[in-house]
């Protein structure tokens, strides 16, 4: 009977140790999960911050490109207006003017066309 009681005590001690170890393993598992969650949140925050920075860079680049295109469009529209005005003037001169008036205006129109052509070349 003594051997059985000794064996029972040993097994009770083993069970108690196993219960204690089980609790420790569970606590360690929870600690590891918390660390994983914390590290994941840090990484997520860094990725989100990088995303915001990249989006801001894209927005800035797009805005700069839009401004440049808008400026080029305005310059092209100005040149187009000058060309149309010039065309209209020449047509009116040819319809209504005498040969002497047309010859007098020719030199002026040649100069205007040179100026317009110089303005067109950088835009186109």
PDB file of N, CA and C in Angstrom:
ATOM      1  N   UNK A   1       0.816  -1.195   0.000  1.00  0.00           N
ATOM      2  CA  UNK A   1       0.000   0.000   0.000  1.00  0.00           C
ATOM      3  C   UNK A   1       0.865   1.266   0.000  1.00  0.00           C
ATOM      4  N   UNK A   2       1.945   1.213   0.611  1.00  0.00           N
ATOM      5  CA  UNK A   2       2.846   2.351   0.661  1.00  0.00           C
ATOM      6  C   UNK A   2       3.349   2.693  -0.738  1.00  0.00           C
ATOM      7  N   UNK A   3       3.625   1.658  -1.502  1.00  0.00           N
ATOM      8  CA  UNK A   3       4.102   1.890  -2.860  1.00  0.00           C
ATOM      9  C   UNK A   3       3.009   2.567  -3.695  1.00  0.00           C
ATOM     10  N   UNK A   4       1.768   2.166  -3.478  1.00  0.00           N
ATOM     11  CA  UNK A   4       0.672   2.752  -4.215  1.00  0.00           C
ATOM     12  C   UNK A   4       0.502   4.214  -3.812  1.00  0.00           C
ATOM     13  N   UNK A   5       0.572   4.478  -2.513  1.00  0.00           N
ATOM     14  CA  UNK A   5       0.449   5.856  -2.032  1.00  0.00           C
ATOM     15  C   UNK A   5       1.595   6.705  -2.572  1.00  0.00           C
ATOM     16  N   UNK A   6       2.753   6.175  -2.629  1.00  0.00           N
ATOM     17  CA  UNK A   6       3.906   6.897  -3.160  1.00  0.00           C
ATOM     18  C   UNK A   6       3.676   7.169  -4.656  1.00  0.00           C
ATOM     19  N   UNK A   7       3.191   6.136  -5.336  1.00  0.00           N
ATOM     20  CA  UNK A   7       2.927   6.293  -6.763  1.00  0.00           C
ATOM     21  C   UNK A   7       1.837   7.333  -6.988  1.00  0.00           C
ATOM     22  N   UNK A   8       0.784   7.324  -6.145  1.00  0.00           N
ATOM     23  CA  UNK A   8      -0.295   8.313  -6.258  1.00  0.00           C
ATOM     24  C   UNK A   8       0.268   9.715  -6.047  1.00  0.00           C
ATOM     25  N   UNK A   9       1.122   9.890  -5.079  1.00  0.00           N
ATOM     26  CA  UNK A   9       1.727  11.195  -4.797  1.00  0.00           C
ATOM     27  C   UNK A   9       2.568  11.652  -5.995  1.00  0.00           C
ATOM     28  N   UNK A  10       3.320  10.718  -6.546  1.00  0.00           N
ATOM     29  CA  UNK A  10       4.164  11.056  -7.698  1.00  0.00           C
ATOM     30  C   UNK A  10       3.292  11.456  -8.902  1.00  0.00           C
ATOM     31  N   UNK A  11       2.223  10.687  -9.111  1.00  0.00           N
ATOM     32  CA  UNK A  11       1.348  10.993 -10.234  1.00  0.00           C
ATOM     33  C   UNK A  11       0.627  12.310  -9.989  1.00  0.00           C
ATOM     34  N   UNK A  12       0.171  12.561  -8.749  1.00  0.00           N
ATOM     35  CA  UNK A  12      -0.459  13.848  -8.397  1.00  0.00           C
ATOM     36  C   UNK A  12       0.512  15.002  -8.660  1.00  0.00           C
ATOM     37  N   UNK A  13       1.743  14.811  -8.276  1.00  0.00           N
ATOM     38  CA  UNK A  13       2.758  15.835  -8.511  1.00  0.00           C
ATOM     39  C   UNK A  13       2.941  16.034 -10.018  1.00  0.00           C
ATOM     40  N   UNK A  14       2.978  14.960 -10.764  1.00  0.00           N
ATOM     41  CA  UNK A  14       3.136  15.045 -12.214  1.00  0.00           C
ATOM     42  C   UNK A  14       1.950  15.763 -12.845  1.00  0.00           C
ATOM     43  N   UNK A  15       0.728  15.435 -12.380  1.00  0.00           N
ATOM     44  CA  UNK A  15      -0.472  16.084 -12.897  1.00  0.00           C
ATOM     45  C   UNK A  15      -0.427  17.571 -12.575  1.00  0.00           C
ATOM     46  N   UNK A  16      -0.065  17.916 -11.347  1.00  0.00           N
ATOM     47  CA  UNK A  16       0.030  19.326 -10.946  1.00  0.00           C
ATOM     48  C   UNK A  16       1.070  20.043 -11.809  1.00  0.00           C
ATOM     49  N   UNK A  17       2.207  19.405 -12.026  1.00  0.00           N
ATOM     50  CA  UNK A  17       3.253  19.996 -12.869  1.00  0.00           C
ATOM     51  C   UNK A  17       2.754  20.172 -14.312  1.00  0.00           C
ATOM     52  N   UNK A  18       2.022  19.159 -14.800  1.00  0.00           N
ATOM     53  CA  UNK A  18       1.482  19.262 -16.166  1.00  0.00           C
ATOM     54  C   UNK A  18       0.449  20.384 -16.279  1.00  0.00           C
ATOM     55  N   UNK A  19      -0.393  20.524 -15.241  1.00  0.00           N
ATOM     56  CA  UNK A  19      -1.385  21.610 -15.230  1.00  0.00           C
ATOM     57  C   UNK A  19      -0.661  22.958 -15.224  1.00  0.00           C
ATOM     58  N   UNK A  20       0.361  23.065 -14.400  1.00  0.00           N
ATOM     59  CA  UNK A  20       1.143  24.310 -14.328  1.00  0.00           C
ATOM     60  C   UNK A  20       1.806  24.589 -15.675  1.00  0.00           C
ATOM     61  N   UNK A  21       2.396  23.561 -16.262  1.00  0.00           N
ATOM     62  CA  UNK A  21       3.063  23.727 -17.563  1.00  0.00           C
ATOM     63  C   UNK A  21       2.056  24.085 -18.642  1.00  0.00           C
ATOM     64  N   UNK A  22       0.874  23.459 -18.579  1.00  0.00           N
ATOM     65  CA  UNK A  22      -0.192  23.768 -19.541  1.00  0.00           C
ATOM     66  C   UNK A  22      -0.579  25.240 -19.460  1.00  0.00           C
ATOM     67  N   UNK A  23      -0.712  25.751 -18.242  1.00  0.00           N
ATOM     68  CA  UNK A  23      -1.042  27.159 -18.023  1.00  0.00           C
ATOM     69  C   UNK A  23       0.067  28.063 -18.578  1.00  0.00           C
ATOM     70  N   UNK A  24       1.319  27.683 -18.309  1.00  0.00           N
ATOM     71  CA  UNK A  24       2.454  28.474 -18.804  1.00  0.00           C
ATOM     72  C   UNK A  24       2.470  28.521 -20.333  1.00  0.00           C
ATOM     73  N   UNK A  25       2.232  27.361 -20.966  1.00  0.00           N
ATOM     74  CA  UNK A  25       2.228  27.299 -22.430  1.00  0.00           C
ATOM     75  C   UNK A  25       1.094  28.164 -22.981  1.00  0.00           C
ATOM     76  N   UNK A  26      -0.091  28.097 -22.352  1.00  0.00           N
ATOM     77  CA  UNK A  26      -1.217  28.917 -22.785  1.00  0.00           C
ATOM     78  C   UNK A  26      -0.876  30.404 -22.664  1.00  0.00           C
ATOM     79  N   UNK A  27      -0.285  30.799 -21.545  1.00  0.00           N
ATOM     80  CA  UNK A  27       0.107  32.204 -21.337  1.00  0.00           C
ATOM     81  C   UNK A  27       1.158  32.637 -22.349  1.00  0.00           C
ATOM     82  N   UNK A  28       2.135  31.768 -22.609  1.00  0.00           N
ATOM     83  CA  UNK A  28       3.162  32.089 -23.607  1.00  0.00           C
ATOM     84  C   UNK A  28       2.530  32.250 -24.995  1.00  0.00           C
ATOM     85  N   UNK A  29       1.580  31.374 -25.299  1.00  0.00           N
ATOM     86  CA  UNK A  29       0.879  31.473 -26.578  1.00  0.00           C
ATOM     87  C   UNK A  29       0.151  32.801 -26.703  1.00  0.00           C
ATOM     88  N   UNK A  30      -0.525  33.226 -25.634  1.00  0.00           N
ATOM     89  CA  UNK A  30      -1.234  34.514 -25.636  1.00  0.00           C
ATOM     90  C   UNK A  30      -0.248  35.675 -25.792  1.00  0.00           C
ATOM     91  N   UNK A  31       0.888  35.583 -25.098  1.00  0.00           N
ATOM     92  CA  UNK A  31       1.915  36.629 -25.219  1.00  0.00           C
ATOM     93  C   UNK A  31       2.439  36.716 -26.662  1.00  0.00           C
ATOM     94  N   UNK A  32       2.683  35.579 -27.275  1.00  0.00           N
ATOM     95  CA  UNK A  32       3.170  35.561 -28.657  1.00  0.00           C
ATOM     96  C   UNK A  32       2.113  36.156 -29.585  1.00  0.00           C
ATOM     97  N   UNK A  33       0.834  35.797 -29.359  1.00  0.00           N
ATOM     98  CA  UNK A  33      -0.242  36.372 -30.185  1.00  0.00           C
ATOM     99  C   UNK A  33      -0.287  37.888 -30.037  1.00  0.00           C
ATOM    100  N   UNK A  34      -0.132  38.388 -28.811  1.00  0.00           N
ATOM    101  CA  UNK A  34      -0.131  39.843 -28.593  1.00  0.00           C
ATOM    102  C   UNK A  34       1.049  40.494 -29.315  1.00  0.00           C
ATOM    103  N   UNK A  35       2.203  39.880 -29.243  1.00  0.00           N
ATOM    104  CA  UNK A  35       3.383  40.425 -29.925  1.00  0.00           C
ATOM    105  C   UNK A  35       3.167  40.437 -31.445  1.00  0.00           C
ATOM    106  N   UNK A  36       2.595  39.350 -31.953  1.00  0.00           N
ATOM    107  CA  UNK A  36       2.308  39.286 -33.392  1.00  0.00           C
ATOM    108  C   UNK A  36       1.339  40.394 -33.778  1.00  0.00           C
ATOM    109  N   UNK A  37       0.292  40.569 -32.974  1.00  0.00           N
ATOM    110  CA  UNK A  37      -0.702  41.616 -33.263  1.00  0.00           C
ATOM    111  C   UNK A  37      -0.051  43.002 -33.224  1.00  0.00           C
ATOM    112  N   UNK A  38       0.766  43.245 -32.217  1.00  0.00           N
ATOM    113  CA  UNK A  38       1.431  44.543 -32.087  1.00  0.00           C
ATOM    114  C   UNK A  38       2.355  44.800 -33.283  1.00  0.00           C
ATOM    115  N   UNK A  39       3.151  43.823 -33.649  1.00  0.00           N
ATOM    116  CA  UNK A  39       4.058  43.984 -34.779  1.00  0.00           C
ATOM    117  C   UNK A  39       3.275  44.162 -36.085  1.00  0.00           C
ATOM    118  N   UNK A  40       2.203  43.394 -36.226  1.00  0.00           N
ATOM    119  CA  UNK A  40       1.368  43.529 -37.426  1.00  0.00           C
ATOM    120  C   UNK A  40       0.794  44.936 -37.521  1.00  0.00           C
ATOM    121  N   UNK A  41       0.319  45.476 -36.417  1.00  0.00           N
ATOM    122  CA  UNK A  41      -0.235  46.828 -36.410  1.00  0.00           C
ATOM    123  C   UNK A  41       0.838  47.859 -36.785  1.00  0.00           C
ATOM    124  N   UNK A  42       2.053  47.662 -36.279  1.00  0.00           N
ATOM    125  CA  UNK A  42       3.142  48.581 -36.642  1.00  0.00           C
ATOM    126  C   UNK A  42       3.412  48.523 -38.144  1.00  0.00           C
ATOM    127  N   UNK A  43       3.471  47.322 -38.680  1.00  0.00           N
ATOM    128  CA  UNK A  43       3.734  47.162 -40.114  1.00  0.00           C
ATOM    129  C   UNK A  43       2.584  47.759 -40.924  1.00  0.00           C
ATOM    130  N   UNK A  44       1.351  47.501 -40.507  1.00  0.00           N
ATOM    131  CA  UNK A  44       0.180  48.063 -41.199  1.00  0.00           C
ATOM    132  C   UNK A  44       0.239  49.585 -41.181  1.00  0.00           C
ATOM    133  N   UNK A  45       0.576  50.156 -40.029  1.00  0.00           N
ATOM    134  CA  UNK A  45       0.680  51.620 -39.923  1.00  0.00           C
ATOM    135  C   UNK A  45       1.759  52.172 -40.854  1.00  0.00           C
ATOM    136  N   UNK A  46       2.893  51.480 -40.928  1.00  0.00           N
ATOM    137  CA  UNK A  46       3.964  51.928 -41.826  1.00  0.00           C
ATOM    138  C   UNK A  46       3.534  51.840 -43.288  1.00  0.00           C
ATOM    139  N   UNK A  47       2.855  50.762 -43.644  1.00  0.00           N
ATOM    140  CA  UNK A  47       2.383  50.598 -45.026  1.00  0.00           C
ATOM    141  C   UNK A  47       1.358  51.685 -45.355  1.00  0.00           C
ATOM    142  N   UNK A  48       0.453  51.974 -44.422  1.00  0.00           N
ATOM    143  CA  UNK A  48      -0.548  53.017 -44.661  1.00  0.00           C
ATOM    144  C   UNK A  48       0.112  54.384 -44.793  1.00  0.00           C
ATOM    145  N   UNK A  49       1.121  54.639 -43.978  1.00  0.00           N
ATOM    146  CA  UNK A  49       1.843  55.909 -44.076  1.00  0.00           C
ATOM    147  C   UNK A  49       2.541  56.008 -45.435  1.00  0.00           C
ATOM    148  N   UNK A  50       3.166  54.927 -45.871  1.00  0.00           N
ATOM    149  CA  UNK A  50       3.814  54.916 -47.187  1.00  0.00           C
ATOM    150  C   UNK A  50       2.787  55.123 -48.289  1.00  0.00           C
ATOM    151  N   UNK A  51       1.622  54.508 -48.131  1.00  0.00           N
ATOM    152  CA  UNK A  51       0.556  54.676 -49.119  1.00  0.00           C
ATOM    153  C   UNK A  51       0.159  56.143 -49.220  1.00  0.00           C
ATOM    154  N   UNK A  52      -0.040  56.789 -48.071  1.00  0.00           N
ATOM    155  CA  UNK A  52      -0.422  58.208 -48.082  1.00  0.00           C
ATOM    156  C   UNK A  52       0.650  59.057 -48.752  1.00  0.00           C
ATOM    157  N   UNK A  53       1.915  58.772 -48.466  1.00  0.00           N
ATOM    158  CA  UNK A  53       2.999  59.542 -49.072  1.00  0.00           C
ATOM    159  C   UNK A  53       3.034  59.334 -50.588  1.00  0.00           C
ATOM    160  N   UNK A  54       2.873  58.088 -51.023  1.00  0.00           N
ATOM    161  CA  UNK A  54       2.895  57.807 -52.461  1.00  0.00           C
ATOM    162  C   UNK A  54       1.711  58.455 -53.167  1.00  0.00           C
ATOM    163  N   UNK A  55       0.541  58.390 -52.543  1.00  0.00           N
ATOM    164  CA  UNK A  55      -0.643  59.021 -53.134  1.00  0.00           C
ATOM    165  C   UNK A  55      -0.428  60.526 -53.238  1.00  0.00           C
ATOM    166  N   UNK A  56       0.164  61.120 -52.206  1.00  0.00           N
ATOM    167  CA  UNK A  56       0.434  62.560 -52.232  1.00  0.00           C
ATOM    168  C   UNK A  56       1.417  62.899 -53.352  1.00  0.00           C
ATOM    169  N   UNK A  57       2.427  62.070 -53.535  1.00  0.00           N
ATOM    170  CA  UNK A  57       3.397  62.304 -54.609  1.00  0.00           C
ATOM    171  C   UNK A  57       2.725  62.212 -55.980  1.00  0.00           C
ATOM    172  N   UNK A  58       1.852  61.236 -56.130  1.00  0.00           N
ATOM    173  CA  UNK A  58       1.125  61.095 -57.396  1.00  0.00           C
ATOM    174  C   UNK A  58       0.235  62.311 -57.624  1.00  0.00           C
ATOM    175  N   UNK A  59      -0.483  62.729 -56.576  1.00  0.00           N
ATOM    176  CA  UNK A  59      -1.350  63.909 -56.701  1.00  0.00           C
ATOM    177  C   UNK A  59      -0.546  65.139 -57.113  1.00  0.00           C
ATOM    178  N   UNK A  60       0.615  65.317 -56.507  1.00  0.00           N
ATOM    179  CA  UNK A  60       1.466  66.458 -56.830  1.00  0.00           C
ATOM    180  C   UNK A  60       1.949  66.380 -58.281  1.00  0.00           C
ATOM    181  N   UNK A  61       2.394  65.207 -58.696  1.00  0.00           N
ATOM    182  CA  UNK A  61       2.874  65.041 -60.071  1.00  0.00           C
ATOM    183  C   UNK A  61       1.748  65.289 -61.075  1.00  0.00           C
ATOM    184  N   UNK A  62       0.569  64.765 -60.785  1.00  0.00           N
ATOM    185  CA  UNK A  62      -0.574  64.962 -61.683  1.00  0.00           C
ATOM    186  C   UNK A  62      -0.923  66.442 -61.758  1.00  0.00           C
ATOM    187  N   UNK A  63      -0.948  67.118 -60.616  1.00  0.00           N
ATOM    188  CA  UNK A  63      -1.295  68.541 -60.588  1.00  0.00           C
ATOM    189  C   UNK A  63      -0.296  69.366 -61.399  1.00  0.00           C
ATOM    190  N   UNK A  64       0.983  69.045 -61.249  1.00  0.00           N
ATOM    191  CA  UNK A  64       1.999  69.770 -62.014  1.00  0.00           C
ATOM    192  C   UNK A  64       1.829  69.536 -63.516  1.00  0.00           C
ATOM    193  N   UNK A  65       1.551  68.301 -63.883  1.00  0.00           N
ATOM    194  CA  UNK A  65       1.366  67.975 -65.296  1.00  0.00           C
ATOM    195  C   UNK A  65       0.124  68.673 -65.845  1.00  0.00           C
ATOM    196  N   UNK A  66      -0.956  68.689 -65.063  1.00  0.00           N
ATOM    197  CA  UNK A  66      -2.190  69.364 -65.480  1.00  0.00           C
ATOM    198  C   UNK A  66      -1.927  70.858 -65.677  1.00  0.00           C
ATOM    199  N   UNK A  67      -1.176  71.467 -64.753  1.00  0.00           N
ATOM    200  CA  UNK A  67      -0.865  72.896 -64.887  1.00  0.00           C
ATOM    201  C   UNK A  67      -0.082  73.156 -66.169  1.00  0.00           C
ATOM    202  N   UNK A  68       0.885  72.302 -66.452  1.00  0.00           N
ATOM    203  CA  UNK A  68       1.682  72.464 -67.667  1.00  0.00           C
ATOM    204  C   UNK A  68       0.797  72.311 -68.910  1.00  0.00           C
ATOM    205  N   UNK A  69      -0.044  71.286 -68.914  1.00  0.00           N
ATOM    206  CA  UNK A  69      -0.930  71.068 -70.059  1.00  0.00           C
ATOM    207  C   UNK A  69      -1.921  72.213 -70.226  1.00  0.00           C
ATOM    208  N   UNK A  70      -2.419  72.743 -69.118  1.00  0.00           N
ATOM    209  CA  UNK A  70      -3.352  73.868 -69.172  1.00  0.00           C
ATOM    210  C   UNK A  70      -2.662  75.090 -69.776  1.00  0.00           C
ATOM    211  N   UNK A  71      -1.433  75.329 -69.356  1.00  0.00           N
ATOM    212  CA  UNK A  71      -0.678  76.463 -69.903  1.00  0.00           C
ATOM    213  C   UNK A  71      -0.450  76.278 -71.402  1.00  0.00           C
ATOM    214  N   UNK A  72      -0.068  75.063 -71.804  1.00  0.00           N
ATOM    215  CA  UNK A  72       0.156  74.794 -73.223  1.00  0.00           C
ATOM    216  C   UNK A  72      -1.141  74.938 -74.017  1.00  0.00           C
ATOM    217  N   UNK A  73      -2.250  74.492 -73.433  1.00  0.00           N
ATOM    218  CA  UNK A  73      -3.545  74.610 -74.113  1.00  0.00           C
ATOM    219  C   UNK A  73      -3.910  76.078 -74.291  1.00  0.00           C
ATOM    220  N   UNK A  74      -3.698  76.890 -73.251  1.00  0.00           N
ATOM    221  CA  UNK A  74      -4.011  78.315 -73.350  1.00  0.00           C
ATOM    222  C   UNK A  74      -3.151  78.987 -74.407  1.00  0.00           C
ATOM    223  N   UNK A  75      -1.871  78.618 -74.472  1.00  0.00           N
ATOM    224  CA  UNK A  75      -0.992  79.183 -75.496  1.00  0.00           C
ATOM    225  C   UNK A  75      -1.460  78.771 -76.893  1.00  0.00           C
ATOM    226  N   UNK A  76      -1.838  77.509 -77.042  1.00  0.00           N
ATOM    227  CA  UNK A  76      -2.313  77.027 -78.342  1.00  0.00           C
ATOM    228  C   UNK A  76      -3.603  77.729 -78.736  1.00  0.00           C
ATOM    229  N   UNK A  77      -4.499  77.949 -77.766  1.00  0.00           N
ATOM    230  CA  UNK A  77      -5.751  78.654 -78.063  1.00  0.00           C
ATOM    231  C   UNK A  77      -5.480  80.095 -78.469  1.00  0.00           C
ATOM    232  N   UNK A  78      -4.497  80.732 -77.857  1.00  0.00           N
ATOM    233  CA  UNK A  78      -4.129  82.098 -78.221  1.00  0.00           C
ATOM    234  C   UNK A  78      -3.607  82.136 -79.656  1.00  0.00           C
ATOM    235  N   UNK A  79      -2.739  81.196 -79.992  1.00  0.00           N
ATOM    236  CA  UNK A  79      -2.198  81.138 -81.350  1.00  0.00           C
ATOM    237  C   UNK A  79      -3.321  80.862 -82.343  1.00  0.00           C
ATOM    238  N   UNK A  80      -4.223  79.946 -81.985  1.00  0.00           N
ATOM    239  CA  UNK A  80      -5.354  79.633 -82.860  1.00  0.00           C
ATOM    240  C   UNK A  80      -6.196  80.878 -83.108  1.00  0.00           C
ATOM    241  N   UNK A  81      -6.444  81.644 -82.076  1.00  0.00           N
ATOM    242  CA  UNK A  81      -7.224  82.881 -82.232  1.00  0.00           C
ATOM    243  C   UNK A  81      -6.491  83.856 -83.150  1.00  0.00           C
ATOM    244  N   UNK A  82      -5.187  83.990 -82.965  1.00  0.00           N
ATOM    245  CA  UNK A  82      -4.412  84.883 -83.822  1.00  0.00           C
ATOM    246  C   UNK A  82      -4.491  84.440 -85.281  1.00  0.00           C
ATOM    247  N   UNK A  83      -4.380  83.139 -85.503  1.00  0.00           N
ATOM    248  CA  UNK A  83      -4.454  82.628 -86.873  1.00  0.00           C
ATOM    249  C   UNK A  83      -5.826  82.882 -87.486  1.00  0.00           C
ATOM    250  N   UNK A  84      -6.874  82.656 -86.707  1.00  0.00           N
ATOM    251  CA  UNK A  84      -8.226  82.893 -87.220  1.00  0.00           C
ATOM    252  C   UNK A  84      -8.451  84.371 -87.504  1.00  0.00           C
ATOM    253  N   UNK A  85      -7.974  85.242 -86.614  1.00  0.00           N
ATOM    254  CA  UNK A  85      -8.096  86.684 -86.836  1.00  0.00           C
ATOM    255  C   UNK A  85      -7.349  87.089 -88.107  1.00  0.00           C
ATOM    256  N   UNK A  86      -6.171  86.535 -88.266  1.00  0.00           N
ATOM    257  CA  UNK A  86      -5.359  86.843 -89.440  1.00  0.00           C
ATOM    258  C   UNK A  86      -6.076  86.360 -90.707  1.00  0.00           C
ATOM    259  N   UNK A  87      -6.605  85.146 -90.655  1.00  0.00           N
ATOM    260  CA  UNK A  87      -7.332  84.597 -91.797  1.00  0.00           C
ATOM    261  C   UNK A  87      -8.530  85.482 -92.152  1.00  0.00           C
ATOM    262  N   UNK A  88      -9.263  85.884 -91.128  1.00  0.00           N
ATOM    263  CA  UNK A  88     -10.444  86.723 -91.348  1.00  0.00           C
ATOM    264  C   UNK A  88     -10.040  88.069 -91.948  1.00  0.00           C
ATOM    265  N   UNK A  89      -8.971  88.651 -91.453  1.00  0.00           N
ATOM    266  CA  UNK A  89      -8.508  89.940 -91.964  1.00  0.00           C
ATOM    267  C   UNK A  89      -8.109  89.824 -93.442  1.00  0.00           C
ATOM    268  N   UNK A  90      -7.380  88.764 -93.777  1.00  0.00           N
ATOM    269  CA  UNK A  90      -6.940  88.583 -95.158  1.00  0.00           C
ATOM    270  C   UNK A  90      -8.146  88.388 -96.068  1.00  0.00           C
ATOM    271  N   UNK A  91      -9.100  87.569 -95.611  1.00  0.00           N
ATOM    272  CA  UNK A  91     -10.302  87.353 -96.427  1.00  0.00           C
ATOM    273  C   UNK A  91     -11.067  88.654 -96.637  1.00  0.00           C
ATOM    274  N   UNK A  92     -11.200  89.450 -95.604  1.00  0.00           N
ATOM    275  CA  UNK A  92     -11.912  90.730 -95.727  1.00  0.00           C
ATOM    276  C   UNK A  92     -11.148  91.691 -96.636  1.00  0.00           C
ATOM    277  N   UNK A  93      -9.847  91.698 -96.498  1.00  0.00           N
ATOM    278  CA  UNK A  93      -9.035  92.583 -97.349  1.00  0.00           C
ATOM    279  C   UNK A  93      -9.174  92.185 -98.807  1.00  0.00           C
ATOM    280  N   UNK A  94      -9.162  90.895 -99.060  1.00  0.00           N
ATOM    281  CA  UNK A  94      -9.273  90.430-100.443  1.00  0.00           C
ATOM    282  C   UNK A  94     -10.653  90.723-101.016  1.00  0.00           C
ATOM    283  N   UNK A  95     -11.673  90.647-100.175  1.00  0.00           N
ATOM    284  CA  UNK A  95     -13.037  90.900-100.654  1.00  0.00           C
ATOM    285  C   UNK A  95     -13.298  92.387-100.866  1.00  0.00           C
ATOM    286  N   UNK A  96     -12.885  93.193 -99.921  1.00  0.00           N
ATOM    287  CA  UNK A  96     -13.302  94.593 -99.910  1.00  0.00           C
ATOM    288  C   UNK A  96     -12.230  95.578-100.355  1.00  0.00           C
ATOM    289  N   UNK A  97     -10.992  95.187-100.255  1.00  0.00           N
ATOM    290  CA  UNK A  97      -9.933  96.155-100.506  1.00  0.00           C
ATOM    291  C   UNK A  97      -9.547  96.244-101.972  1.00  0.00           C
ATOM    292  N   UNK A  98      -8.968  97.385-102.289  1.00  0.00           N
ATOM    293  CA  UNK A  98      -8.436  97.573-103.641  1.00  0.00           C
ATOM    294  C   UNK A  98      -7.045  96.942-103.695  1.00  0.00           C
ATOM    295  N   UNK A  99      -6.494  96.861-104.888  1.00  0.00           N
ATOM    296  CA  UNK A  99      -5.170  96.255-105.034  1.00  0.00           C
ATOM    297  C   UNK A  99      -4.113  97.052-104.295  1.00  0.00           C
ATOM    298  N   UNK A 100      -4.238  98.377-104.293  1.00  0.00           N
ATOM    299  CA  UNK A 100      -3.265  99.200-103.595  1.00  0.00           C
ATOM    300  C   UNK A 100      -3.345  98.979-102.077  1.00  0.00           C
ATOM    301  N   UNK A 101      -4.557  98.847-101.545  1.00  0.00           N
ATOM    302  CA  UNK A 101      -4.707  98.591-100.103  1.00  0.00           C
ATOM    303  C   UNK A 101      -4.126  97.216 -99.746  1.00  0.00           C
ATOM    304  N   UNK A 102      -4.379  96.245-100.597  1.00  0.00           N
ATOM    305  CA  UNK A 102      -3.863  94.897-100.340  1.00  0.00           C
ATOM    306  C   UNK A 102      -2.343  94.906-100.364  1.00  0.00           C
ATOM    307  N   UNK A 103      -1.733  95.602-101.314  1.00  0.00           N
ATOM    308  CA  UNK A 103      -0.281  95.680-101.381  1.00  0.00           C
ATOM    309  C   UNK A 103       0.305  96.389-100.167  1.00  0.00           C
ATOM    310  N   UNK A 104      -0.388  97.447 -99.711  1.00  0.00           N
ATOM    311  CA  UNK A 104       0.074  98.160 -98.504  1.00  0.00           C
ATOM    312  C   UNK A 104       0.007  97.264 -97.278  1.00  0.00           C
ATOM    313  N   UNK A 105      -1.019  96.446 -97.185  1.00  0.00           N
ATOM    314  CA  UNK A 105      -1.218  95.586 -96.021  1.00  0.00           C
ATOM    315  C   UNK A 105      -0.376  94.306 -96.090  1.00  0.00           C
ATOM    316  N   UNK A 106       0.098  93.983 -97.310  1.00  0.00           N
ATOM    317  CA  UNK A 106       0.844  92.735 -97.474  1.00  0.00           C
ATOM    318  C   UNK A 106       2.051  92.688 -96.548  1.00  0.00           C
ATOM    319  N   UNK A 107       2.844  93.746 -96.527  1.00  0.00           N
ATOM    320  CA  UNK A 107       4.048  93.783 -95.690  1.00  0.00           C
ATOM    321  C   UNK A 107       3.676  93.597 -94.220  1.00  0.00           C
ATOM    322  N   UNK A 108       2.637  94.281 -93.778  1.00  0.00           N
ATOM    323  CA  UNK A 108       2.173  94.163 -92.400  1.00  0.00           C
ATOM    324  C   UNK A 108       1.724  92.729 -92.100  1.00  0.00           C
ATOM    325  N   UNK A 109       0.979  92.118 -93.041  1.00  0.00           N
ATOM    326  CA  UNK A 109       0.460  90.767 -92.837  1.00  0.00           C
ATOM    327  C   UNK A 109       1.593  89.739 -92.825  1.00  0.00           C
ATOM    328  N   UNK A 110       2.608  89.946 -93.659  1.00  0.00           N
ATOM    329  CA  UNK A 110       3.764  89.040 -93.673  1.00  0.00           C
ATOM    330  C   UNK A 110       4.429  89.060 -92.300  1.00  0.00           C
ATOM    331  N   UNK A 111       4.596  90.242 -91.723  1.00  0.00           N
ATOM    332  CA  UNK A 111       5.204  90.359 -90.400  1.00  0.00           C
ATOM    333  C   UNK A 111       4.320  89.688 -89.333  1.00  0.00           C
ATOM    334  N   UNK A 112       3.021  89.915 -89.412  1.00  0.00           N
ATOM    335  CA  UNK A 112       2.096  89.296 -88.451  1.00  0.00           C
ATOM    336  C   UNK A 112       2.174  87.775 -88.559  1.00  0.00           C
ATOM    337  N   UNK A 113       2.217  87.256 -89.782  1.00  0.00           N
ATOM    338  CA  UNK A 113       2.282  85.804 -89.984  1.00  0.00           C
ATOM    339  C   UNK A 113       3.599  85.235 -89.448  1.00  0.00           C
ATOM    340  N   UNK A 114       4.694  85.962 -89.610  1.00  0.00           N
ATOM    341  CA  UNK A 114       5.980  85.510 -89.042  1.00  0.00           C
ATOM    342  C   UNK A 114       5.868  85.399 -87.523  1.00  0.00           C
ATOM    343  N   UNK A 115       5.295  86.419 -86.926  1.00  0.00           N
ATOM    344  CA  UNK A 115       5.129  86.410 -85.464  1.00  0.00           C
ATOM    345  C   UNK A 115       4.253  85.245 -85.030  1.00  0.00           C
ATOM    346  N   UNK A 116       3.142  85.042 -85.719  1.00  0.00           N
ATOM    347  CA  UNK A 116       2.239  83.938 -85.358  1.00  0.00           C
ATOM    348  C   UNK A 116       2.943  82.598 -85.546  1.00  0.00           C
ATOM    349  N   UNK A 117       3.686  82.461 -86.655  1.00  0.00           N
ATOM    350  CA  UNK A 117       4.408  81.192 -86.900  1.00  0.00           C
ATOM    351  C   UNK A 117       5.441  80.944 -85.819  1.00  0.00           C
ATOM    352  N   UNK A 118       6.110  81.982 -85.352  1.00  0.00           N
ATOM    353  CA  UNK A 118       7.087  81.813 -84.270  1.00  0.00           C
ATOM    354  C   UNK A 118       6.380  81.368 -82.990  1.00  0.00           C
ATOM    355  N   UNK A 119       5.192  81.901 -82.741  1.00  0.00           N
ATOM    356  CA  UNK A 119       4.435  81.504 -81.571  1.00  0.00           C
ATOM    357  C   UNK A 119       3.924  80.078 -81.683  1.00  0.00           C
ATOM    358  N   UNK A 120       3.614  79.652 -82.910  1.00  0.00           N
ATOM    359  CA  UNK A 120       3.057  78.312 -83.133  1.00  0.00           C
ATOM    360  C   UNK A 120       4.128  77.249 -82.915  1.00  0.00           C
ATOM    361  N   UNK A 121       5.329  77.461 -83.406  1.00  0.00           N
ATOM    362  CA  UNK A 121       6.373  76.437 -83.348  1.00  0.00           C
ATOM    363  C   UNK A 121       6.655  75.919 -81.938  1.00  0.00           C
ATOM    364  N   UNK A 122       6.824  76.753 -80.911  1.00  0.00           N
ATOM    365  CA  UNK A 122       7.056  76.201 -79.586  1.00  0.00           C
ATOM    366  C   UNK A 122       5.848  75.410 -79.052  1.00  0.00           C
ATOM    367  N   UNK A 123       4.645  75.801 -79.432  1.00  0.00           N
ATOM    368  CA  UNK A 123       3.455  75.154 -78.909  1.00  0.00           C
ATOM    369  C   UNK A 123       3.262  73.789 -79.557  1.00  0.00           C
ATOM    370  N   UNK A 124       3.464  73.709 -80.871  1.00  0.00           N
ATOM    371  CA  UNK A 124       3.222  72.471 -81.615  1.00  0.00           C
ATOM    372  C   UNK A 124       4.381  71.565 -81.488  1.00  0.00           C
TER     373      UNK A 124
END
